[in-house]
């Protein structure tokens, strides 16, 4: 049972900020609440106060496109992202990631902002690959921050996530893009390993751009820049799987848990990424 002293419902961004400032530390922001409920049921600390963000107009649920970005409001439901033709067209990996999170009933309640603020959500590897930018309110102004910078912060200052801006980029024919997650039971149990990637090749099969990320479980999601650099020296006819495998295992440093060791998770991440590449390679060779 969730036990709190009070639920606060500010009707504006500044009021939400002032309420949080007055309550100091014994509070939690909440929107869909699905992740928080799971944490509390598992024995995590329940704050005395909840600040509900549903009525804050600046924290909206929307999916819009401007000249350079797909802009998603932080209160947008996962189910709305799954059903959006614009998301499918511009950022299909995000749609795939959202469709693999929890059960349908949860996705109709959970927000992308909540998934992000969990710090281990399955949308984060995808947002790293897409090089998304977060737009925050820091009490005085709106600031922008690359998602990669945010995931590397050990202790982020108090801010309110307003929007996620994803750069719009063309995906040439032959682009390899993938999102894969593994777990014991994908509907109800958090993933053990999650990988995402986008690899661009020219007509000869040579890689000219690569973006890879891994996360899952309690691992902090991260870009795999070393593995990306190794892909840039590769082609459909020349990739050294042992080198790539070792590089991914060096870069990805997930903590072990009672279900899987760190070494096992590293090996799974490496197998998933290299396996996706070789599926593309077979298709390239067959097309020649």
C-alpha atoms as a PDB file:
ATOM      1  CA  UNK A   1       0.000   0.000   0.000  1.00  0.00           C
ATOM      2  CA  UNK A   2       1.249   3.467  -0.875  1.00  0.00           C
ATOM      3  CA  UNK A   3       1.181   5.662   2.222  1.00  0.00           C
ATOM      4  CA  UNK A   4       1.879   9.388   1.908  1.00  0.00           C
ATOM      5  CA  UNK A   5       0.906  12.376   4.006  1.00  0.00           C
ATOM      6  CA  UNK A   6      -0.229  14.548   1.136  1.00  0.00           C
ATOM      7  CA  UNK A   7      -0.583  14.780  -2.643  1.00  0.00           C
ATOM      8  CA  UNK A   8       0.107  18.221  -4.072  1.00  0.00           C
ATOM      9  CA  UNK A   9      -1.412  19.217  -7.416  1.00  0.00           C
ATOM     10  CA  UNK A  10       0.210  22.404  -8.736  1.00  0.00           C
ATOM     11  CA  UNK A  11      -1.428  24.009 -11.763  1.00  0.00           C
ATOM     12  CA  UNK A  12       1.711  25.595 -13.197  1.00  0.00           C
ATOM     13  CA  UNK A  13       5.413  24.980 -13.636  1.00  0.00           C
ATOM     14  CA  UNK A  14       6.535  27.655 -11.195  1.00  0.00           C
ATOM     15  CA  UNK A  15       4.078  26.449  -8.559  1.00  0.00           C
ATOM     16  CA  UNK A  16       5.397  22.893  -8.947  1.00  0.00           C
ATOM     17  CA  UNK A  17       8.922  24.175  -8.470  1.00  0.00           C
ATOM     18  CA  UNK A  18       8.054  26.286  -5.431  1.00  0.00           C
ATOM     19  CA  UNK A  19       6.184  23.379  -3.840  1.00  0.00           C
ATOM     20  CA  UNK A  20       9.212  21.129  -4.273  1.00  0.00           C
ATOM     21  CA  UNK A  21      11.504  23.804  -2.844  1.00  0.00           C
ATOM     22  CA  UNK A  22       9.313  24.198   0.242  1.00  0.00           C
ATOM     23  CA  UNK A  23       9.111  20.453   0.868  1.00  0.00           C
ATOM     24  CA  UNK A  24      12.910  20.163   0.560  1.00  0.00           C
ATOM     25  CA  UNK A  25      13.754  16.445   0.262  1.00  0.00           C
ATOM     26  CA  UNK A  26      10.769  14.425   1.497  1.00  0.00           C
ATOM     27  CA  UNK A  27       8.806  14.472  -1.761  1.00  0.00           C
ATOM     28  CA  UNK A  28       8.637  12.885  -5.168  1.00  0.00           C
ATOM     29  CA  UNK A  29       7.324  14.134  -8.506  1.00  0.00           C
ATOM     30  CA  UNK A  30       4.775  11.775 -10.056  1.00  0.00           C
ATOM     31  CA  UNK A  31       2.907  11.482 -13.357  1.00  0.00           C
ATOM     32  CA  UNK A  32       1.897   7.958 -14.408  1.00  0.00           C
ATOM     33  CA  UNK A  33       3.411   6.510 -11.239  1.00  0.00           C
ATOM     34  CA  UNK A  34       3.933   2.994 -12.608  1.00  0.00           C
ATOM     35  CA  UNK A  35       7.673   2.810 -11.901  1.00  0.00           C
ATOM     36  CA  UNK A  36       7.327   4.390  -8.466  1.00  0.00           C
ATOM     37  CA  UNK A  37       4.588   1.964  -7.490  1.00  0.00           C
ATOM     38  CA  UNK A  38       6.811  -0.952  -8.461  1.00  0.00           C
ATOM     39  CA  UNK A  39       9.685   0.466  -6.427  1.00  0.00           C
ATOM     40  CA  UNK A  40       7.522   1.021  -3.359  1.00  0.00           C
ATOM     41  CA  UNK A  41       6.054  -2.466  -3.562  1.00  0.00           C
ATOM     42  CA  UNK A  42       9.638  -3.747  -3.506  1.00  0.00           C
ATOM     43  CA  UNK A  43      10.350  -1.925  -0.264  1.00  0.00           C
ATOM     44  CA  UNK A  44      11.866   1.344  -1.482  1.00  0.00           C
ATOM     45  CA  UNK A  45      11.354   4.463   0.647  1.00  0.00           C
ATOM     46  CA  UNK A  46       7.973   6.145   0.196  1.00  0.00           C
ATOM     47  CA  UNK A  47       8.167   9.936   0.514  1.00  0.00           C
ATOM     48  CA  UNK A  48       5.691  11.770   2.707  1.00  0.00           C
ATOM     49  CA  UNK A  49       4.602  13.997  -0.179  1.00  0.00           C
ATOM     50  CA  UNK A  50       3.804  13.462  -3.844  1.00  0.00           C
ATOM     51  CA  UNK A  51       3.778  16.341  -6.317  1.00  0.00           C
ATOM     52  CA  UNK A  52       1.439  15.359  -9.168  1.00  0.00           C
ATOM     53  CA  UNK A  53       2.398  16.909 -12.495  1.00  0.00           C
ATOM     54  CA  UNK A  54      -0.750  16.023 -14.463  1.00  0.00           C
ATOM     55  CA  UNK A  55      -2.202  19.558 -14.325  1.00  0.00           C
ATOM     56  CA  UNK A  56       1.010  21.425 -15.175  1.00  0.00           C
ATOM     57  CA  UNK A  57       0.358  22.754 -18.713  1.00  0.00           C
ATOM     58  CA  UNK A  58       4.046  23.265 -19.495  1.00  0.00           C
ATOM     59  CA  UNK A  59       4.576  19.535 -18.930  1.00  0.00           C
ATOM     60  CA  UNK A  60       2.430  18.360 -21.772  1.00  0.00           C
ATOM     61  CA  UNK A  61       1.674  15.154 -23.622  1.00  0.00           C
ATOM     62  CA  UNK A  62       2.414  15.795 -27.279  1.00  0.00           C
ATOM     63  CA  UNK A  63       4.334  14.581 -30.310  1.00  0.00           C
ATOM     64  CA  UNK A  64       5.296  17.389 -32.679  1.00  0.00           C
ATOM     65  CA  UNK A  65       7.769  18.012 -35.460  1.00  0.00           C
ATOM     66  CA  UNK A  66       9.619  21.227 -36.200  1.00  0.00           C
ATOM     67  CA  UNK A  67      12.213  21.876 -38.893  1.00  0.00           C
ATOM     68  CA  UNK A  68      14.977  20.005 -37.076  1.00  0.00           C
ATOM     69  CA  UNK A  69      13.530  17.859 -34.295  1.00  0.00           C
ATOM     70  CA  UNK A  70      10.797  15.498 -33.265  1.00  0.00           C
ATOM     71  CA  UNK A  71       9.688  17.003 -29.953  1.00  0.00           C
ATOM     72  CA  UNK A  72       7.965  14.782 -27.377  1.00  0.00           C
ATOM     73  CA  UNK A  73       6.349  16.130 -24.218  1.00  0.00           C
ATOM     74  CA  UNK A  74       7.534  14.407 -21.066  1.00  0.00           C
ATOM     75  CA  UNK A  75       3.985  13.389 -20.068  1.00  0.00           C
ATOM     76  CA  UNK A  76       3.347  11.563 -23.354  1.00  0.00           C
ATOM     77  CA  UNK A  77       2.116   8.036 -22.694  1.00  0.00           C
ATOM     78  CA  UNK A  78       4.122   5.084 -23.977  1.00  0.00           C
ATOM     79  CA  UNK A  79       0.977   3.816 -25.699  1.00  0.00           C
ATOM     80  CA  UNK A  80       0.644   7.099 -27.616  1.00  0.00           C
ATOM     81  CA  UNK A  81       4.233   6.799 -28.820  1.00  0.00           C
ATOM     82  CA  UNK A  82       3.551   3.267 -30.012  1.00  0.00           C
ATOM     83  CA  UNK A  83       0.492   4.370 -31.978  1.00  0.00           C
ATOM     84  CA  UNK A  84       2.012   7.533 -33.481  1.00  0.00           C
ATOM     85  CA  UNK A  85       2.652   7.439 -37.272  1.00  0.00           C
ATOM     86  CA  UNK A  86       5.150  10.276 -36.796  1.00  0.00           C
ATOM     87  CA  UNK A  87       7.188   8.261 -34.296  1.00  0.00           C
ATOM     88  CA  UNK A  88       7.122   5.248 -36.616  1.00  0.00           C
ATOM     89  CA  UNK A  89       8.346   7.363 -39.521  1.00  0.00           C
ATOM     90  CA  UNK A  90      11.024   9.382 -37.743  1.00  0.00           C
ATOM     91  CA  UNK A  91      12.238   7.303 -34.794  1.00  0.00           C
ATOM     92  CA  UNK A  92      11.049   3.712 -35.249  1.00  0.00           C
ATOM     93  CA  UNK A  93      13.428   2.352 -32.614  1.00  0.00           C
ATOM     94  CA  UNK A  94      11.646   4.424 -29.975  1.00  0.00           C
ATOM     95  CA  UNK A  95       8.339   2.907 -30.979  1.00  0.00           C
ATOM     96  CA  UNK A  96       9.887  -0.562 -30.777  1.00  0.00           C
ATOM     97  CA  UNK A  97      11.348   0.132 -27.336  1.00  0.00           C
ATOM     98  CA  UNK A  98       8.045   1.448 -25.967  1.00  0.00           C
ATOM     99  CA  UNK A  99       6.173  -1.581 -27.291  1.00  0.00           C
ATOM    100  CA  UNK A 100       8.505  -3.870 -25.327  1.00  0.00           C
ATOM    101  CA  UNK A 101       8.039  -2.156 -21.964  1.00  0.00           C
ATOM    102  CA  UNK A 102       5.824  -3.915 -19.401  1.00  0.00           C
ATOM    103  CA  UNK A 103       2.234  -4.896 -20.249  1.00  0.00           C
ATOM    104  CA  UNK A 104      -0.315  -2.963 -22.377  1.00  0.00           C
ATOM    105  CA  UNK A 105      -2.222  -1.809 -19.299  1.00  0.00           C
ATOM    106  CA  UNK A 106       0.973  -0.255 -17.914  1.00  0.00           C
ATOM    107  CA  UNK A 107       1.872   1.391 -21.228  1.00  0.00           C
ATOM    108  CA  UNK A 108      -1.506   3.178 -21.202  1.00  0.00           C
ATOM    109  CA  UNK A 109      -0.529   4.807 -17.910  1.00  0.00           C
ATOM    110  CA  UNK A 110       3.263   5.154 -18.004  1.00  0.00           C
ATOM    111  CA  UNK A 111       4.900   8.271 -19.460  1.00  0.00           C
ATOM    112  CA  UNK A 112       8.146   8.590 -21.366  1.00  0.00           C
ATOM    113  CA  UNK A 113       9.299  11.103 -18.766  1.00  0.00           C
ATOM    114  CA  UNK A 114       8.866   8.540 -16.024  1.00  0.00           C
ATOM    115  CA  UNK A 115      10.744   5.911 -18.008  1.00  0.00           C
ATOM    116  CA  UNK A 116      13.615   8.346 -18.482  1.00  0.00           C
ATOM    117  CA  UNK A 117      13.702   9.513 -14.865  1.00  0.00           C
ATOM    118  CA  UNK A 118      14.024   5.936 -13.641  1.00  0.00           C
ATOM    119  CA  UNK A 119      17.575   6.284 -15.071  1.00  0.00           C
ATOM    120  CA  UNK A 120      17.458   2.677 -16.286  1.00  0.00           C
ATOM    121  CA  UNK A 121      14.445   2.798 -18.630  1.00  0.00           C
ATOM    122  CA  UNK A 122      14.485   0.892 -21.906  1.00  0.00           C
ATOM    123  CA  UNK A 123      13.938   4.091 -23.896  1.00  0.00           C
ATOM    124  CA  UNK A 124      17.346   5.433 -22.850  1.00  0.00           C
ATOM    125  CA  UNK A 125      19.594   3.279 -25.102  1.00  0.00           C
ATOM    126  CA  UNK A 126      17.415   4.314 -28.048  1.00  0.00           C
ATOM    127  CA  UNK A 127      17.551   7.998 -27.084  1.00  0.00           C
ATOM    128  CA  UNK A 128      21.342   7.691 -26.840  1.00  0.00           C
ATOM    129  CA  UNK A 129      21.516   6.266 -30.354  1.00  0.00           C
ATOM    130  CA  UNK A 130      19.279   9.048 -31.670  1.00  0.00           C
ATOM    131  CA  UNK A 131      21.392  11.639 -29.783  1.00  0.00           C
ATOM    132  CA  UNK A 132      18.342  13.158 -28.140  1.00  0.00           C
ATOM    133  CA  UNK A 133      18.384  16.356 -26.110  1.00  0.00           C
ATOM    134  CA  UNK A 134      16.450  16.866 -22.872  1.00  0.00           C
ATOM    135  CA  UNK A 135      14.786  20.206 -22.146  1.00  0.00           C
ATOM    136  CA  UNK A 136      14.640  20.955 -18.429  1.00  0.00           C
ATOM    137  CA  UNK A 137      13.214  23.662 -16.207  1.00  0.00           C
ATOM    138  CA  UNK A 138      15.753  24.512 -13.501  1.00  0.00           C
ATOM    139  CA  UNK A 139      13.679  26.963 -11.499  1.00  0.00           C
ATOM    140  CA  UNK A 140      14.529  30.033 -13.552  1.00  0.00           C
ATOM    141  CA  UNK A 141      14.862  29.018 -17.189  1.00  0.00           C
ATOM    142  CA  UNK A 142      14.621  26.192 -19.709  1.00  0.00           C
ATOM    143  CA  UNK A 143      17.952  24.542 -20.443  1.00  0.00           C
ATOM    144  CA  UNK A 144      18.981  21.851 -22.930  1.00  0.00           C
ATOM    145  CA  UNK A 145      21.186  18.867 -22.169  1.00  0.00           C
ATOM    146  CA  UNK A 146      22.294  15.944 -24.373  1.00  0.00           C
ATOM    147  CA  UNK A 147      21.004  12.649 -23.043  1.00  0.00           C
ATOM    148  CA  UNK A 148      24.537  11.222 -22.964  1.00  0.00           C
ATOM    149  CA  UNK A 149      25.667  13.993 -20.638  1.00  0.00           C
ATOM    150  CA  UNK A 150      22.692  13.389 -18.358  1.00  0.00           C
ATOM    151  CA  UNK A 151      23.205   9.633 -17.960  1.00  0.00           C
ATOM    152  CA  UNK A 152      26.809  10.283 -16.933  1.00  0.00           C
ATOM    153  CA  UNK A 153      25.861  12.600 -14.057  1.00  0.00           C
ATOM    154  CA  UNK A 154      26.409  10.962 -10.695  1.00  0.00           C
ATOM    155  CA  UNK A 155      23.932  13.233  -8.919  1.00  0.00           C
ATOM    156  CA  UNK A 156      21.785  15.456 -11.107  1.00  0.00           C
ATOM    157  CA  UNK A 157      20.430  18.708  -9.641  1.00  0.00           C
ATOM    158  CA  UNK A 158      16.686  19.092  -9.159  1.00  0.00           C
ATOM    159  CA  UNK A 159      15.045  19.880 -12.487  1.00  0.00           C
ATOM    160  CA  UNK A 160      11.766  19.180 -14.236  1.00  0.00           C
ATOM    161  CA  UNK A 161      11.902  17.377 -17.570  1.00  0.00           C
ATOM    162  CA  UNK A 162       9.665  19.187 -20.056  1.00  0.00           C
ATOM    163  CA  UNK A 163      10.494  17.757 -23.481  1.00  0.00           C
ATOM    164  CA  UNK A 164      12.660  15.333 -25.388  1.00  0.00           C
ATOM    165  CA  UNK A 165      13.973  16.696 -28.693  1.00  0.00           C
ATOM    166  CA  UNK A 166      15.254  14.126 -31.186  1.00  0.00           C
ATOM    167  CA  UNK A 167      17.189  15.381 -34.230  1.00  0.00           C
ATOM    168  CA  UNK A 168      15.500  14.477 -37.503  1.00  0.00           C
ATOM    169  CA  UNK A 169      17.884  12.608 -39.771  1.00  0.00           C
ATOM    170  CA  UNK A 170      17.310  10.747 -42.992  1.00  0.00           C
ATOM    171  CA  UNK A 171      17.886   7.010 -42.870  1.00  0.00           C
ATOM    172  CA  UNK A 172      19.384   5.915 -46.201  1.00  0.00           C
ATOM    173  CA  UNK A 173      18.459   2.598 -47.735  1.00  0.00           C
ATOM    174  CA  UNK A 174      20.540  -0.139 -46.182  1.00  0.00           C
ATOM    175  CA  UNK A 175      20.597   1.403 -42.695  1.00  0.00           C
ATOM    176  CA  UNK A 176      20.821  -1.237 -39.991  1.00  0.00           C
ATOM    177  CA  UNK A 177      18.794  -0.185 -36.963  1.00  0.00           C
ATOM    178  CA  UNK A 178      17.883  -2.442 -34.072  1.00  0.00           C
ATOM    179  CA  UNK A 179      16.533  -2.566 -30.538  1.00  0.00           C
ATOM    180  CA  UNK A 180      16.844  -5.847 -28.642  1.00  0.00           C
ATOM    181  CA  UNK A 181      16.164  -6.654 -25.001  1.00  0.00           C
ATOM    182  CA  UNK A 182      16.544  -9.847 -23.028  1.00  0.00           C
ATOM    183  CA  UNK A 183      15.062 -10.823 -19.686  1.00  0.00           C
ATOM    184  CA  UNK A 184      13.505 -13.652 -17.749  1.00  0.00           C
ATOM    185  CA  UNK A 185       9.923 -12.629 -18.554  1.00  0.00           C
ATOM    186  CA  UNK A 186       9.787  -9.522 -20.689  1.00  0.00           C
ATOM    187  CA  UNK A 187       6.261  -8.462 -19.725  1.00  0.00           C
ATOM    188  CA  UNK A 188       6.695  -8.228 -15.959  1.00  0.00           C
ATOM    189  CA  UNK A 189      10.421  -8.377 -15.191  1.00  0.00           C
ATOM    190  CA  UNK A 190      12.918  -5.589 -16.031  1.00  0.00           C
ATOM    191  CA  UNK A 191      15.253  -6.470 -18.867  1.00  0.00           C
ATOM    192  CA  UNK A 192      18.677  -7.888 -18.080  1.00  0.00           C
ATOM    193  CA  UNK A 193      20.336  -6.490 -21.213  1.00  0.00           C
ATOM    194  CA  UNK A 194      19.069  -3.930 -23.710  1.00  0.00           C
ATOM    195  CA  UNK A 195      20.969  -2.858 -26.819  1.00  0.00           C
ATOM    196  CA  UNK A 196      20.184  -0.378 -29.568  1.00  0.00           C
ATOM    197  CA  UNK A 197      22.085   0.607 -32.659  1.00  0.00           C
ATOM    198  CA  UNK A 198      22.062   2.378 -35.971  1.00  0.00           C
ATOM    199  CA  UNK A 199      24.745   1.548 -38.549  1.00  0.00           C
ATOM    200  CA  UNK A 200      24.913   3.227 -41.961  1.00  0.00           C
ATOM    201  CA  UNK A 201      26.712   1.678 -44.923  1.00  0.00           C
ATOM    202  CA  UNK A 202      27.433   2.837 -48.459  1.00  0.00           C
ATOM    203  CA  UNK A 203      26.752   0.896 -51.663  1.00  0.00           C
ATOM    204  CA  UNK A 204      29.914  -1.174 -51.200  1.00  0.00           C
ATOM    205  CA  UNK A 205      28.937  -2.191 -47.683  1.00  0.00           C
ATOM    206  CA  UNK A 206      31.497   0.003 -45.903  1.00  0.00           C
ATOM    207  CA  UNK A 207      30.328   1.593 -42.657  1.00  0.00           C
ATOM    208  CA  UNK A 208      30.379   5.397 -42.594  1.00  0.00           C
ATOM    209  CA  UNK A 209      28.377   6.024 -39.413  1.00  0.00           C
ATOM    210  CA  UNK A 210      27.661   3.920 -36.347  1.00  0.00           C
ATOM    211  CA  UNK A 211      25.865   4.589 -33.088  1.00  0.00           C
ATOM    212  CA  UNK A 212      25.531   1.899 -30.425  1.00  0.00           C
ATOM    213  CA  UNK A 213      24.226   1.882 -26.852  1.00  0.00           C
ATOM    214  CA  UNK A 214      23.596  -0.686 -24.145  1.00  0.00           C
ATOM    215  CA  UNK A 215      21.744  -0.805 -20.845  1.00  0.00           C
ATOM    216  CA  UNK A 216      19.190  -2.989 -19.117  1.00  0.00           C
ATOM    217  CA  UNK A 217      18.555  -4.074 -15.544  1.00  0.00           C
ATOM    218  CA  UNK A 218      20.244  -1.680 -13.131  1.00  0.00           C
ATOM    219  CA  UNK A 219      22.997  -0.760 -15.603  1.00  0.00           C
ATOM    220  CA  UNK A 220      23.462   2.900 -16.444  1.00  0.00           C
ATOM    221  CA  UNK A 221      22.797   3.085 -20.206  1.00  0.00           C
ATOM    222  CA  UNK A 222      25.838   4.175 -22.206  1.00  0.00           C
ATOM    223  CA  UNK A 223      27.038   4.824 -25.737  1.00  0.00           C
ATOM    224  CA  UNK A 224      29.692   2.383 -26.930  1.00  0.00           C
ATOM    225  CA  UNK A 225      32.053   4.786 -28.682  1.00  0.00           C
ATOM    226  CA  UNK A 226      34.928   2.324 -28.972  1.00  0.00           C
ATOM    227  CA  UNK A 227      32.742  -0.261 -30.681  1.00  0.00           C
ATOM    228  CA  UNK A 228      31.395   2.454 -32.971  1.00  0.00           C
ATOM    229  CA  UNK A 229      34.939   3.373 -34.010  1.00  0.00           C
ATOM    230  CA  UNK A 230      35.674  -0.275 -34.736  1.00  0.00           C
ATOM    231  CA  UNK A 231      32.606  -0.504 -36.963  1.00  0.00           C
ATOM    232  CA  UNK A 232      33.801   2.533 -38.915  1.00  0.00           C
ATOM    233  CA  UNK A 233      36.833   0.497 -39.969  1.00  0.00           C
ATOM    234  CA  UNK A 234      34.612  -2.351 -41.126  1.00  0.00           C
ATOM    235  CA  UNK A 235      32.616  -3.384 -44.152  1.00  0.00           C
ATOM    236  CA  UNK A 236      30.170  -6.132 -44.983  1.00  0.00           C
ATOM    237  CA  UNK A 237      33.128  -8.262 -46.018  1.00  0.00           C
ATOM    238  CA  UNK A 238      35.526  -7.386 -43.211  1.00  0.00           C
ATOM    239  CA  UNK A 239      34.554  -7.372 -39.573  1.00  0.00           C
ATOM    240  CA  UNK A 240      36.565  -9.189 -36.963  1.00  0.00           C
ATOM    241  CA  UNK A 241      33.926 -10.563 -34.591  1.00  0.00           C
ATOM    242  CA  UNK A 242      36.384 -11.442 -31.819  1.00  0.00           C
ATOM    243  CA  UNK A 243      37.734  -7.872 -31.726  1.00  0.00           C
ATOM    244  CA  UNK A 244      34.246  -6.386 -31.758  1.00  0.00           C
ATOM    245  CA  UNK A 245      33.079  -8.806 -29.082  1.00  0.00           C
ATOM    246  CA  UNK A 246      36.002  -7.931 -26.816  1.00  0.00           C
ATOM    247  CA  UNK A 247      35.562  -4.197 -27.365  1.00  0.00           C
ATOM    248  CA  UNK A 248      31.898  -4.270 -26.380  1.00  0.00           C
ATOM    249  CA  UNK A 249      32.677  -6.283 -23.254  1.00  0.00           C
ATOM    250  CA  UNK A 250      35.361  -3.764 -22.255  1.00  0.00           C
ATOM    251  CA  UNK A 251      33.031  -0.792 -22.673  1.00  0.00           C
ATOM    252  CA  UNK A 252      29.773  -2.118 -21.257  1.00  0.00           C
ATOM    253  CA  UNK A 253      30.090  -2.443 -17.478  1.00  0.00           C
ATOM    254  CA  UNK A 254      26.744  -3.645 -16.078  1.00  0.00           C
ATOM    255  CA  UNK A 255      26.499  -4.679 -12.429  1.00  0.00           C
ATOM    256  CA  UNK A 256      25.768  -8.311 -11.719  1.00  0.00           C
ATOM    257  CA  UNK A 257      22.696  -9.392  -9.780  1.00  0.00           C
ATOM    258  CA  UNK A 258      21.145 -12.544  -8.348  1.00  0.00           C
ATOM    259  CA  UNK A 259      19.960 -13.601 -11.817  1.00  0.00           C
ATOM    260  CA  UNK A 260      23.022 -12.915 -13.991  1.00  0.00           C
ATOM    261  CA  UNK A 261      26.668 -11.995 -13.499  1.00  0.00           C
ATOM    262  CA  UNK A 262      28.255  -8.899 -14.976  1.00  0.00           C
ATOM    263  CA  UNK A 263      30.336 -11.058 -17.309  1.00  0.00           C
ATOM    264  CA  UNK A 264      27.236 -12.830 -18.586  1.00  0.00           C
ATOM    265  CA  UNK A 265      25.506  -9.520 -19.340  1.00  0.00           C
ATOM    266  CA  UNK A 266      28.585  -8.244 -21.178  1.00  0.00           C
ATOM    267  CA  UNK A 267      28.671 -11.386 -23.293  1.00  0.00           C
ATOM    268  CA  UNK A 268      24.970 -11.127 -24.095  1.00  0.00           C
ATOM    269  CA  UNK A 269      25.306  -7.486 -25.185  1.00  0.00           C
ATOM    270  CA  UNK A 270      28.249  -8.345 -27.428  1.00  0.00           C
ATOM    271  CA  UNK A 271      26.439 -11.332 -28.936  1.00  0.00           C
ATOM    272  CA  UNK A 272      23.321  -9.276 -29.662  1.00  0.00           C
ATOM    273  CA  UNK A 273      25.150  -6.438 -31.421  1.00  0.00           C
ATOM    274  CA  UNK A 274      27.486  -8.630 -33.465  1.00  0.00           C
ATOM    275  CA  UNK A 275      24.570 -10.907 -34.319  1.00  0.00           C
ATOM    276  CA  UNK A 276      22.520  -8.003 -35.682  1.00  0.00           C
ATOM    277  CA  UNK A 277      25.440  -6.965 -37.890  1.00  0.00           C
ATOM    278  CA  UNK A 278      25.883 -10.448 -39.329  1.00  0.00           C
ATOM    279  CA  UNK A 279      22.207 -10.699 -40.132  1.00  0.00           C
ATOM    280  CA  UNK A 280      22.636  -7.552 -42.206  1.00  0.00           C
ATOM    281  CA  UNK A 281      25.812  -8.912 -43.790  1.00  0.00           C
ATOM    282  CA  UNK A 282      24.046 -12.047 -44.980  1.00  0.00           C
ATOM    283  CA  UNK A 283      21.388  -9.888 -46.594  1.00  0.00           C
ATOM    284  CA  UNK A 284      24.047  -7.743 -48.290  1.00  0.00           C
ATOM    285  CA  UNK A 285      25.897 -10.750 -49.696  1.00  0.00           C
ATOM    286  CA  UNK A 286      22.688 -12.343 -50.970  1.00  0.00           C
ATOM    287  CA  UNK A 287      21.812  -9.105 -52.764  1.00  0.00           C
ATOM    288  CA  UNK A 288      25.089  -9.069 -54.708  1.00  0.00           C
END
